Amino acid sequence: MSGTDIKVKDFRTWHATVPATVAVAVTIDEARATEASMRARPSGPR
């Protein structure tokens, strides 16, 4: 129909790739937020 040779395997691969990419992006964002909050805390005795 579109002239593109797409197989079922392509859909399965895409179905796994999208959630994995989102999970990595969320993990990176959380790591950056944690690192930033740790830098914002005063260090040393109170």
PDB file of N, CA and C in Angstrom:
ATOM      1  N   MET A   1       0.819  -1.178   0.000  1.00  0.00           N
ATOM      2  CA  MET A   1       0.000   0.000   0.000  1.00  0.00           C
ATOM      3  C   MET A   1       0.876   1.260   0.000  1.00  0.00           C
ATOM      4  N   SER A   2       1.837   1.347   0.943  1.00  0.00           N
ATOM      5  CA  SER A   2       2.678   2.541   1.022  1.00  0.00           C
ATOM      6  C   SER A   2       3.988   2.376   0.260  1.00  0.00           C
ATOM      7  N   GLY A   3       4.226   1.186  -0.242  1.00  0.00           N
ATOM      8  CA  GLY A   3       5.470   0.922  -0.945  1.00  0.00           C
ATOM      9  C   GLY A   3       6.619   0.583  -0.001  1.00  0.00           C
ATOM     10  N   THR A   4       6.344   0.532   1.291  1.00  0.00           N
ATOM     11  CA  THR A   4       7.357   0.201   2.293  1.00  0.00           C
ATOM     12  C   THR A   4       7.192  -1.247   2.702  1.00  0.00           C
ATOM     13  N   ASP A   5       8.307  -1.952   2.767  1.00  0.00           N
ATOM     14  CA  ASP A   5       8.277  -3.367   3.148  1.00  0.00           C
ATOM     15  C   ASP A   5       8.331  -3.469   4.670  1.00  0.00           C
ATOM     16  N   ILE A   6       7.169  -3.556   5.303  1.00  0.00           N
ATOM     17  CA  ILE A   6       7.069  -3.637   6.760  1.00  0.00           C
ATOM     18  C   ILE A   6       6.552  -5.016   7.136  1.00  0.00           C
ATOM     19  N   LYS A   7       7.234  -5.622   8.083  1.00  0.00           N
ATOM     20  CA  LYS A   7       6.855  -6.961   8.538  1.00  0.00           C
ATOM     21  C   LYS A   7       6.390  -6.899   9.992  1.00  0.00           C
ATOM     22  N   VAL A   8       5.796  -7.977  10.453  1.00  0.00           N
ATOM     23  CA  VAL A   8       5.308  -8.061  11.832  1.00  0.00           C
ATOM     24  C   VAL A   8       6.458  -7.833  12.813  1.00  0.00           C
ATOM     25  N   LYS A   9       7.642  -8.341  12.499  1.00  0.00           N
ATOM     26  CA  LYS A   9       8.808  -8.169  13.367  1.00  0.00           C
ATOM     27  C   LYS A   9       9.088  -6.680  13.599  1.00  0.00           C
ATOM     28  N   ASP A  10       8.898  -5.855  12.583  1.00  0.00           N
ATOM     29  CA  ASP A  10       9.124  -4.416  12.727  1.00  0.00           C
ATOM     30  C   ASP A  10       8.193  -3.822  13.782  1.00  0.00           C
ATOM     31  N   PHE A  11       6.956  -4.264  13.805  1.00  0.00           N
ATOM     32  CA  PHE A  11       6.008  -3.768  14.800  1.00  0.00           C
ATOM     33  C   PHE A  11       6.382  -4.244  16.198  1.00  0.00           C
ATOM     34  N   ARG A  12       6.821  -5.496  16.311  1.00  0.00           N
ATOM     35  CA  ARG A  12       7.243  -6.019  17.613  1.00  0.00           C
ATOM     36  C   ARG A  12       8.462  -5.258  18.121  1.00  0.00           C
ATOM     37  N   THR A  13       9.411  -4.989  17.243  1.00  0.00           N
ATOM     38  CA  THR A  13      10.608  -4.252  17.628  1.00  0.00           C
ATOM     39  C   THR A  13      10.238  -2.842  18.066  1.00  0.00           C
ATOM     40  N   TRP A  14       9.383  -2.177  17.315  1.00  0.00           N
ATOM     41  CA  TRP A  14       8.951  -0.820  17.648  1.00  0.00           C
ATOM     42  C   TRP A  14       8.215  -0.820  18.986  1.00  0.00           C
ATOM     43  N   HIS A  15       7.379  -1.831  19.200  1.00  0.00           N
ATOM     44  CA  HIS A  15       6.592  -1.922  20.430  1.00  0.00           C
ATOM     45  C   HIS A  15       7.507  -2.045  21.653  1.00  0.00           C
ATOM     46  N   ALA A  16       8.666  -2.646  21.514  1.00  0.00           N
ATOM     47  CA  ALA A  16       9.616  -2.774  22.625  1.00  0.00           C
ATOM     48  C   ALA A  16      10.541  -1.566  22.723  1.00  0.00           C
ATOM     49  N   THR A  17      10.864  -0.962  21.599  1.00  0.00           N
ATOM     50  CA  THR A  17      11.814   0.148  21.587  1.00  0.00           C
ATOM     51  C   THR A  17      11.241   1.409  22.220  1.00  0.00           C
ATOM     52  N   VAL A  18      10.007   1.714  21.935  1.00  0.00           N
ATOM     53  CA  VAL A  18       9.412   2.954  22.450  1.00  0.00           C
ATOM     54  C   VAL A  18       9.363   2.958  23.977  1.00  0.00           C
ATOM     55  N   PRO A  19       8.829   1.929  24.648  1.00  0.00           N
ATOM     56  CA  PRO A  19       8.827   1.949  26.117  1.00  0.00           C
ATOM     57  C   PRO A  19      10.242   1.953  26.712  1.00  0.00           C
ATOM     58  N   ALA A  20      11.162   1.262  26.070  1.00  0.00           N
ATOM     59  CA  ALA A  20      12.539   1.243  26.577  1.00  0.00           C
ATOM     60  C   ALA A  20      13.155   2.635  26.498  1.00  0.00           C
ATOM     61  N   THR A  21      12.914   3.336  25.414  1.00  0.00           N
ATOM     62  CA  THR A  21      13.439   4.688  25.248  1.00  0.00           C
ATOM     63  C   THR A  21      12.845   5.634  26.286  1.00  0.00           C
ATOM     64  N   VAL A  22      11.559   5.509  26.535  1.00  0.00           N
ATOM     65  CA  VAL A  22      10.906   6.344  27.547  1.00  0.00           C
ATOM     66  C   VAL A  22      11.482   6.043  28.924  1.00  0.00           C
ATOM     67  N   ALA A  23      11.692   4.777  29.235  1.00  0.00           N
ATOM     68  CA  ALA A  23      12.235   4.392  30.540  1.00  0.00           C
ATOM     69  C   ALA A  23      13.634   4.971  30.743  1.00  0.00           C
ATOM     70  N   VAL A  24      14.452   4.928  29.723  1.00  0.00           N
ATOM     71  CA  VAL A  24      15.803   5.493  29.826  1.00  0.00           C
ATOM     72  C   VAL A  24      15.729   7.001  30.030  1.00  0.00           C
ATOM     73  N   ALA A  25      14.872   7.668  29.291  1.00  0.00           N
ATOM     74  CA  ALA A  25      14.739   9.125  29.416  1.00  0.00           C
ATOM     75  C   ALA A  25      14.273   9.508  30.820  1.00  0.00           C
ATOM     76  N   VAL A  26      13.323   8.780  31.364  1.00  0.00           N
ATOM     77  CA  VAL A  26      12.812   9.074  32.706  1.00  0.00           C
ATOM     78  C   VAL A  26      13.907   8.833  33.739  1.00  0.00           C
ATOM     79  N   THR A  27      14.660   7.772  33.591  1.00  0.00           N
ATOM     80  CA  THR A  27      15.734   7.448  34.520  1.00  0.00           C
ATOM     81  C   THR A  27      16.799   8.542  34.502  1.00  0.00           C
ATOM     82  N   ILE A  28      17.155   9.020  33.322  1.00  0.00           N
ATOM     83  CA  ILE A  28      18.156  10.087  33.201  1.00  0.00           C
ATOM     84  C   ILE A  28      17.645  11.361  33.864  1.00  0.00           C
ATOM     85  N   ASP A  29      16.383  11.698  33.620  1.00  0.00           N
ATOM     86  CA  ASP A  29      15.798  12.899  34.246  1.00  0.00           C
ATOM     87  C   ASP A  29      15.804  12.789  35.765  1.00  0.00           C
ATOM     88  N   GLU A  30      15.465  11.624  36.300  1.00  0.00           N
ATOM     89  CA  GLU A  30      15.456  11.424  37.747  1.00  0.00           C
ATOM     90  C   GLU A  30      16.868  11.522  38.313  1.00  0.00           C
ATOM     91  N   ALA A  31      17.833  10.971  37.610  1.00  0.00           N
ATOM     92  CA  ALA A  31      19.223  11.043  38.067  1.00  0.00           C
ATOM     93  C   ALA A  31      19.699  12.491  38.092  1.00  0.00           C
ATOM     94  N   ARG A  32      19.354  13.244  37.081  1.00  0.00           N
ATOM     95  CA  ARG A  32      19.750  14.655  37.049  1.00  0.00           C
ATOM     96  C   ARG A  32      19.081  15.432  38.179  1.00  0.00           C
ATOM     97  N   ALA A  33      17.815  15.163  38.432  1.00  0.00           N
ATOM     98  CA  ALA A  33      17.100  15.861  39.502  1.00  0.00           C
ATOM     99  C   ALA A  33      17.709  15.524  40.855  1.00  0.00           C
ATOM    100  N   THR A  34      18.062  14.269  41.064  1.00  0.00           N
ATOM    101  CA  THR A  34      18.675  13.845  42.325  1.00  0.00           C
ATOM    102  C   THR A  34      20.035  14.510  42.499  1.00  0.00           C
ATOM    103  N   GLU A  35      20.814  14.527  41.433  1.00  0.00           N
ATOM    104  CA  GLU A  35      22.134  15.143  41.490  1.00  0.00           C
ATOM    105  C   GLU A  35      22.013  16.643  41.793  1.00  0.00           C
ATOM    106  N   ALA A  36      21.070  17.302  41.165  1.00  0.00           N
ATOM    107  CA  ALA A  36      20.874  18.733  41.398  1.00  0.00           C
ATOM    108  C   ALA A  36      20.430  19.005  42.832  1.00  0.00           C
ATOM    109  N   SER A  37      19.555  18.180  43.365  1.00  0.00           N
ATOM    110  CA  SER A  37      19.095  18.397  44.737  1.00  0.00           C
ATOM    111  C   SER A  37      20.216  18.128  45.730  1.00  0.00           C
ATOM    112  N   MET A  38      21.099  17.201  45.415  1.00  0.00           N
ATOM    113  CA  MET A  38      22.220  16.922  46.307  1.00  0.00           C
ATOM    114  C   MET A  38      23.210  18.089  46.286  1.00  0.00           C
ATOM    115  N   ARG A  39      23.392  18.710  45.136  1.00  0.00           N
ATOM    116  CA  ARG A  39      24.287  19.863  45.045  1.00  0.00           C
ATOM    117  C   ARG A  39      23.698  21.076  45.767  1.00  0.00           C
ATOM    118  N   ALA A  40      22.388  21.169  45.822  1.00  0.00           N
ATOM    119  CA  ALA A  40      21.722  22.316  46.438  1.00  0.00           C
ATOM    120  C   ALA A  40      21.763  22.246  47.968  1.00  0.00           C
ATOM    121  N   ARG A  41      21.976  21.057  48.505  1.00  0.00           N
ATOM    122  CA  ARG A  41      22.017  20.898  49.965  1.00  0.00           C
ATOM    123  C   ARG A  41      23.333  21.464  50.500  1.00  0.00           C
ATOM    124  N   PRO A  42      23.238  22.138  51.627  1.00  0.00           N
ATOM    125  CA  PRO A  42      24.485  22.625  52.238  1.00  0.00           C
ATOM    126  C   PRO A  42      25.273  21.439  52.796  1.00  0.00           C
ATOM    127  N   SER A  43      26.562  21.485  52.624  1.00  0.00           N
ATOM    128  CA  SER A  43      27.384  20.397  53.171  1.00  0.00           C
ATOM    129  C   SER A  43      28.117  20.919  54.402  1.00  0.00           C
ATOM    130  N   GLY A  44      28.449  20.048  55.282  1.00  0.00           N
ATOM    131  CA  GLY A  44      29.151  20.431  56.485  1.00  0.00           C
ATOM    132  C   GLY A  44      28.254  20.401  57.703  1.00  0.00           C
ATOM    133  N   PRO A  45      28.821  20.699  58.850  1.00  0.00           N
ATOM    134  CA  PRO A  45      28.043  20.642  60.102  1.00  0.00           C
ATOM    135  C   PRO A  45      26.973  21.730  60.161  1.00  0.00           C
ATOM    136  N   ARG A  46      25.921  21.414  60.873  1.00  0.00           N
ATOM    137  CA  ARG A  46      24.817  22.374  61.021  1.00  0.00           C
ATOM    138  C   ARG A  46      24.878  23.069  62.329  1.00  0.00           C
TER     139      ARG A  46
END
